[in-house]
Amino acid sequence: MAGASDYVVNMLVGYDSADGNHSAAMSYNVFGERLYLAGRLGSPDAFEQPFHSLDMTYFWYPTEEVTIKLKMQNLLGHSVKIEREGVTVFERESGQTFALSAEYKF
């Protein structure tokens, strides 16, 4: 079946400080090889290769009104790969994403 993997792993670890001023979460996700494109007329199938993702989010609450958020995605820097018979036919660098934001509630 297209898009189905033999396995999927999703893990999340979180932390909240005792004083309530800090919280963080780290997540790891991976899926097994999955059918991307079924071959036709004798051509081989194409498979998306496993993608390992490590993401982290950190919140700092310096006051009741202010929230500072740091979000980091794809820390491992993996790319999306499609292979046919062991040959890479497509590869896209996903890159790493970093975002810093501030929120003020009044």
N, C-alpha and C. Protein backbone atom coordinates (compact mmCIF):
# COMPACT_ATOMS: atom_id res chain seq x y z
N MET A 1 0.84 -1.17 0.00
CA MET A 1 0.00 0.00 0.00
C MET A 1 0.89 1.24 0.00
N ALA A 2 0.63 2.19 -0.86
CA ALA A 2 1.44 3.41 -0.97
C ALA A 2 1.38 4.22 0.32
N GLY A 3 2.55 4.67 0.76
CA GLY A 3 2.63 5.52 1.94
C GLY A 3 2.64 4.80 3.27
N ALA A 4 2.50 3.48 3.28
CA ALA A 4 2.49 2.72 4.53
C ALA A 4 3.90 2.23 4.86
N SER A 5 4.26 2.27 6.12
CA SER A 5 5.56 1.81 6.59
C SER A 5 5.40 0.56 7.43
N ASP A 6 6.47 -0.22 7.50
CA ASP A 6 6.47 -1.37 8.39
C ASP A 6 6.53 -0.93 9.85
N TYR A 7 7.13 0.25 10.10
CA TYR A 7 7.21 0.76 11.46
C TYR A 7 7.20 2.28 11.47
N VAL A 8 6.76 2.83 12.59
CA VAL A 8 6.79 4.26 12.85
C VAL A 8 7.16 4.43 14.32
N VAL A 9 8.09 5.33 14.59
CA VAL A 9 8.48 5.61 15.98
C VAL A 9 8.26 7.09 16.24
N ASN A 10 7.51 7.40 17.28
CA ASN A 10 7.28 8.77 17.73
C ASN A 10 7.56 8.80 19.23
N MET A 11 8.56 9.56 19.64
CA MET A 11 8.90 9.67 21.06
C MET A 11 8.92 11.14 21.45
N LEU A 12 8.43 11.42 22.64
CA LEU A 12 8.39 12.79 23.14
C LEU A 12 8.85 12.80 24.59
N VAL A 13 9.77 13.71 24.89
CA VAL A 13 10.24 13.90 26.26
C VAL A 13 9.99 15.35 26.61
N GLY A 14 9.35 15.58 27.75
CA GLY A 14 9.03 16.95 28.15
C GLY A 14 9.60 17.29 29.51
N TYR A 15 9.73 18.59 29.77
CA TYR A 15 10.23 19.07 31.05
C TYR A 15 9.48 20.35 31.42
N ASP A 16 9.06 20.44 32.66
CA ASP A 16 8.47 21.66 33.21
C ASP A 16 9.20 21.96 34.51
N SER A 17 9.73 23.18 34.64
CA SER A 17 10.46 23.54 35.85
C SER A 17 9.50 23.66 37.03
N ALA A 18 10.04 23.45 38.22
CA ALA A 18 9.22 23.50 39.44
C ALA A 18 8.61 24.88 39.66
N ASP A 19 9.33 25.94 39.26
CA ASP A 19 8.81 27.30 39.46
C ASP A 19 7.87 27.74 38.33
N GLY A 20 7.71 26.92 37.30
CA GLY A 20 6.80 27.23 36.21
C GLY A 20 7.31 28.25 35.21
N ASN A 21 8.60 28.62 35.30
CA ASN A 21 9.16 29.62 34.40
C ASN A 21 9.74 29.04 33.10
N HIS A 22 9.93 27.74 33.04
CA HIS A 22 10.55 27.11 31.88
C HIS A 22 9.81 25.82 31.54
N SER A 23 9.71 25.54 30.25
CA SER A 23 9.23 24.23 29.81
C SER A 23 9.90 23.91 28.48
N ALA A 24 10.09 22.63 28.23
CA ALA A 24 10.76 22.21 27.01
C ALA A 24 10.21 20.85 26.58
N ALA A 25 10.31 20.60 25.30
CA ALA A 25 9.91 19.30 24.76
C ALA A 25 10.85 18.94 23.62
N MET A 26 11.24 17.68 23.57
CA MET A 26 12.07 17.17 22.49
C MET A 26 11.36 15.97 21.90
N SER A 27 11.25 15.95 20.57
CA SER A 27 10.57 14.83 19.93
C SER A 27 11.47 14.21 18.87
N TYR A 28 11.36 12.89 18.76
CA TYR A 28 12.09 12.12 17.75
C TYR A 28 11.05 11.31 16.98
N ASN A 29 11.15 11.38 15.66
CA ASN A 29 10.21 10.66 14.80
C ASN A 29 10.98 10.00 13.67
N VAL A 30 10.58 8.79 13.32
CA VAL A 30 11.14 8.09 12.16
C VAL A 30 10.09 7.13 11.63
N PHE A 31 10.10 6.91 10.34
CA PHE A 31 9.22 5.93 9.73
C PHE A 31 10.07 5.01 8.87
N GLY A 32 9.60 3.80 8.67
CA GLY A 32 10.31 2.85 7.82
C GLY A 32 10.12 3.17 6.35
N GLU A 33 10.90 2.50 5.52
CA GLU A 33 10.79 2.67 4.08
C GLU A 33 9.34 2.50 3.65
N ARG A 34 8.88 3.36 2.74
CA ARG A 34 7.50 3.25 2.29
C ARG A 34 7.41 3.48 0.77
N LEU A 35 6.44 2.79 0.19
CA LEU A 35 6.24 2.88 -1.25
C LEU A 35 5.85 4.30 -1.64
N TYR A 36 6.59 4.88 -2.56
CA TYR A 36 6.30 6.24 -3.02
C TYR A 36 5.60 6.21 -4.38
N LEU A 37 6.08 5.34 -5.26
CA LEU A 37 5.53 5.25 -6.60
C LEU A 37 5.63 3.81 -7.08
N ALA A 38 4.50 3.22 -7.43
CA ALA A 38 4.49 1.86 -7.94
C ALA A 38 4.99 1.86 -9.39
N GLY A 39 5.89 0.93 -9.69
CA GLY A 39 6.42 0.82 -11.04
C GLY A 39 5.35 0.34 -12.01
N ARG A 40 5.49 0.78 -13.26
CA ARG A 40 4.53 0.38 -14.30
C ARG A 40 5.30 -0.20 -15.48
N LEU A 41 4.66 -1.13 -16.16
CA LEU A 41 5.22 -1.71 -17.38
C LEU A 41 6.63 -2.24 -17.18
N GLY A 42 6.84 -2.90 -16.05
CA GLY A 42 8.13 -3.52 -15.76
C GLY A 42 9.15 -2.64 -15.08
N SER A 43 8.87 -1.35 -14.91
CA SER A 43 9.82 -0.50 -14.20
C SER A 43 9.70 -0.75 -12.70
N PRO A 44 10.80 -0.58 -11.95
CA PRO A 44 10.78 -0.89 -10.51
C PRO A 44 10.00 0.14 -9.70
N ASP A 45 9.58 -0.29 -8.51
CA ASP A 45 8.92 0.61 -7.58
C ASP A 45 9.93 1.61 -7.03
N ALA A 46 9.43 2.78 -6.60
CA ALA A 46 10.26 3.79 -5.95
C ALA A 46 9.84 3.87 -4.48
N PHE A 47 10.83 3.93 -3.59
CA PHE A 47 10.56 3.93 -2.16
C PHE A 47 11.15 5.17 -1.49
N GLU A 48 10.34 5.79 -0.63
CA GLU A 48 10.84 6.88 0.21
C GLU A 48 11.62 6.25 1.35
N GLN A 49 12.82 6.75 1.56
CA GLN A 49 13.70 6.20 2.58
C GLN A 49 13.36 6.77 3.95
N PRO A 50 13.72 6.05 5.03
CA PRO A 50 13.41 6.54 6.37
C PRO A 50 13.93 7.95 6.60
N PHE A 51 13.13 8.76 7.28
CA PHE A 51 13.47 10.14 7.60
C PHE A 51 13.50 10.28 9.12
N HIS A 52 14.66 10.60 9.65
CA HIS A 52 14.82 10.77 11.10
C HIS A 52 14.67 12.26 11.42
N SER A 53 13.76 12.58 12.32
CA SER A 53 13.50 13.97 12.67
C SER A 53 13.67 14.16 14.18
N LEU A 54 14.47 15.14 14.55
CA LEU A 54 14.65 15.51 15.95
C LEU A 54 14.31 16.99 16.08
N ASP A 55 13.28 17.28 16.87
CA ASP A 55 12.79 18.65 17.04
C ASP A 55 12.79 19.02 18.52
N MET A 56 12.93 20.32 18.80
CA MET A 56 12.92 20.78 20.18
C MET A 56 12.19 22.11 20.27
N THR A 57 11.41 22.26 21.34
CA THR A 57 10.72 23.51 21.62
C THR A 57 10.98 23.89 23.07
N TYR A 58 11.31 25.18 23.29
CA TYR A 58 11.60 25.67 24.64
C TYR A 58 10.78 26.94 24.88
N PHE A 59 10.15 27.00 26.04
CA PHE A 59 9.38 28.17 26.45
C PHE A 59 9.97 28.75 27.72
N TRP A 60 10.06 30.08 27.76
CA TRP A 60 10.48 30.79 28.96
C TRP A 60 9.38 31.79 29.28
N TYR A 61 8.93 31.78 30.53
CA TYR A 61 7.87 32.67 30.99
C TYR A 61 8.45 33.62 32.04
N PRO A 62 9.13 34.71 31.61
CA PRO A 62 9.76 35.61 32.58
C PRO A 62 8.76 36.35 33.45
N THR A 63 7.57 36.64 32.91
CA THR A 63 6.48 37.25 33.68
C THR A 63 5.19 36.57 33.27
N GLU A 64 4.09 36.91 33.93
CA GLU A 64 2.81 36.32 33.58
C GLU A 64 2.34 36.78 32.20
N GLU A 65 2.79 37.94 31.75
CA GLU A 65 2.35 38.49 30.47
C GLU A 65 3.24 38.13 29.29
N VAL A 66 4.49 37.76 29.55
CA VAL A 66 5.48 37.57 28.49
C VAL A 66 5.85 36.09 28.35
N THR A 67 5.88 35.62 27.10
CA THR A 67 6.33 34.27 26.78
C THR A 67 7.37 34.36 25.66
N ILE A 68 8.50 33.73 25.86
CA ILE A 68 9.56 33.64 24.85
C ILE A 68 9.61 32.17 24.40
N LYS A 69 9.60 31.96 23.08
CA LYS A 69 9.57 30.60 22.54
C LYS A 69 10.72 30.42 21.55
N LEU A 70 11.44 29.31 21.71
CA LEU A 70 12.49 28.91 20.77
C LEU A 70 12.09 27.56 20.20
N LYS A 71 12.02 27.48 18.87
CA LYS A 71 11.62 26.24 18.20
C LYS A 71 12.70 25.85 17.20
N MET A 72 13.17 24.60 17.28
CA MET A 72 14.21 24.09 16.39
C MET A 72 13.70 22.79 15.76
N GLN A 73 13.79 22.69 14.44
CA GLN A 73 13.29 21.52 13.74
C GLN A 73 14.37 20.90 12.86
N ASN A 74 14.29 19.58 12.68
CA ASN A 74 15.20 18.79 11.87
C ASN A 74 16.66 19.00 12.31
N LEU A 75 16.91 18.88 13.60
CA LEU A 75 18.25 19.09 14.14
C LEU A 75 19.27 18.10 13.58
N LEU A 76 18.82 16.94 13.11
CA LEU A 76 19.73 15.95 12.54
C LEU A 76 20.09 16.27 11.09
N GLY A 77 19.34 17.16 10.47
CA GLY A 77 19.65 17.60 9.11
C GLY A 77 19.40 16.56 8.02
N HIS A 78 18.51 15.62 8.27
CA HIS A 78 18.23 14.59 7.25
C HIS A 78 17.50 15.17 6.06
N SER A 79 17.66 14.51 4.92
CA SER A 79 16.99 14.94 3.70
C SER A 79 15.98 13.87 3.27
N VAL A 80 15.04 14.27 2.44
CA VAL A 80 14.04 13.36 1.89
C VAL A 80 14.67 12.68 0.67
N LYS A 81 14.65 11.34 0.65
CA LYS A 81 15.24 10.59 -0.45
C LYS A 81 14.24 9.59 -1.01
N ILE A 82 14.20 9.51 -2.34
CA ILE A 82 13.41 8.50 -3.04
C ILE A 82 14.39 7.63 -3.81
N GLU A 83 14.29 6.30 -3.63
CA GLU A 83 15.20 5.38 -4.29
C GLU A 83 14.45 4.36 -5.13
N ARG A 84 15.07 3.96 -6.23
CA ARG A 84 14.60 2.86 -7.09
C ARG A 84 15.75 1.90 -7.25
N GLU A 85 15.55 0.67 -6.84
CA GLU A 85 16.58 -0.37 -6.92
C GLU A 85 17.91 0.10 -6.35
N GLY A 86 17.87 0.78 -5.22
CA GLY A 86 19.08 1.23 -4.54
C GLY A 86 19.73 2.48 -5.10
N VAL A 87 19.13 3.08 -6.12
CA VAL A 87 19.66 4.29 -6.73
C VAL A 87 18.78 5.47 -6.33
N THR A 88 19.39 6.54 -5.82
CA THR A 88 18.64 7.73 -5.44
C THR A 88 18.17 8.45 -6.70
N VAL A 89 16.84 8.56 -6.86
CA VAL A 89 16.28 9.24 -8.04
C VAL A 89 15.77 10.65 -7.69
N PHE A 90 15.64 10.93 -6.41
CA PHE A 90 15.21 12.25 -5.97
C PHE A 90 15.73 12.48 -4.56
N GLU A 91 16.24 13.68 -4.31
CA GLU A 91 16.68 14.04 -2.96
C GLU A 91 16.41 15.52 -2.74
N ARG A 92 15.80 15.83 -1.61
CA ARG A 92 15.51 17.21 -1.26
C ARG A 92 16.05 17.48 0.13
N GLU A 93 16.92 18.47 0.23
CA GLU A 93 17.45 18.88 1.52
C GLU A 93 16.35 19.63 2.26
N SER A 94 15.96 19.12 3.40
CA SER A 94 14.90 19.76 4.18
C SER A 94 15.42 20.96 4.97
N GLY A 95 16.69 20.91 5.31
CA GLY A 95 17.29 21.99 6.08
C GLY A 95 16.82 21.98 7.52
N GLN A 96 17.46 22.79 8.30
CA GLN A 96 17.10 22.95 9.70
C GLN A 96 16.37 24.27 9.85
N THR A 97 15.41 24.29 10.77
CA THR A 97 14.62 25.49 11.00
C THR A 97 14.78 25.93 12.45
N PHE A 98 15.03 27.21 12.63
CA PHE A 98 15.14 27.81 13.95
C PHE A 98 14.23 29.03 14.00
N ALA A 99 13.43 29.14 15.03
CA ALA A 99 12.53 30.28 15.17
C ALA A 99 12.53 30.76 16.61
N LEU A 100 12.55 32.05 16.79
CA LEU A 100 12.49 32.68 18.11
C LEU A 100 11.34 33.68 18.07
N SER A 101 10.44 33.57 19.04
CA SER A 101 9.30 34.49 19.06
C SER A 101 9.02 34.95 20.49
N ALA A 102 8.35 36.08 20.57
CA ALA A 102 7.95 36.64 21.86
C ALA A 102 6.48 36.99 21.80
N GLU A 103 5.80 36.77 22.91
CA GLU A 103 4.37 37.07 23.00
C GLU A 103 4.12 37.88 24.26
N TYR A 104 3.30 38.90 24.11
CA TYR A 104 2.91 39.72 25.25
C TYR A 104 1.38 39.70 25.35
N LYS A 105 0.87 39.28 26.49
CA LYS A 105 -0.58 39.24 26.72
C LYS A 105 -0.96 40.38 27.66
N PHE A 106 -1.96 41.13 27.26
CA PHE A 106 -2.42 42.20 28.13
C PHE A 106 -3.92 42.20 28.24
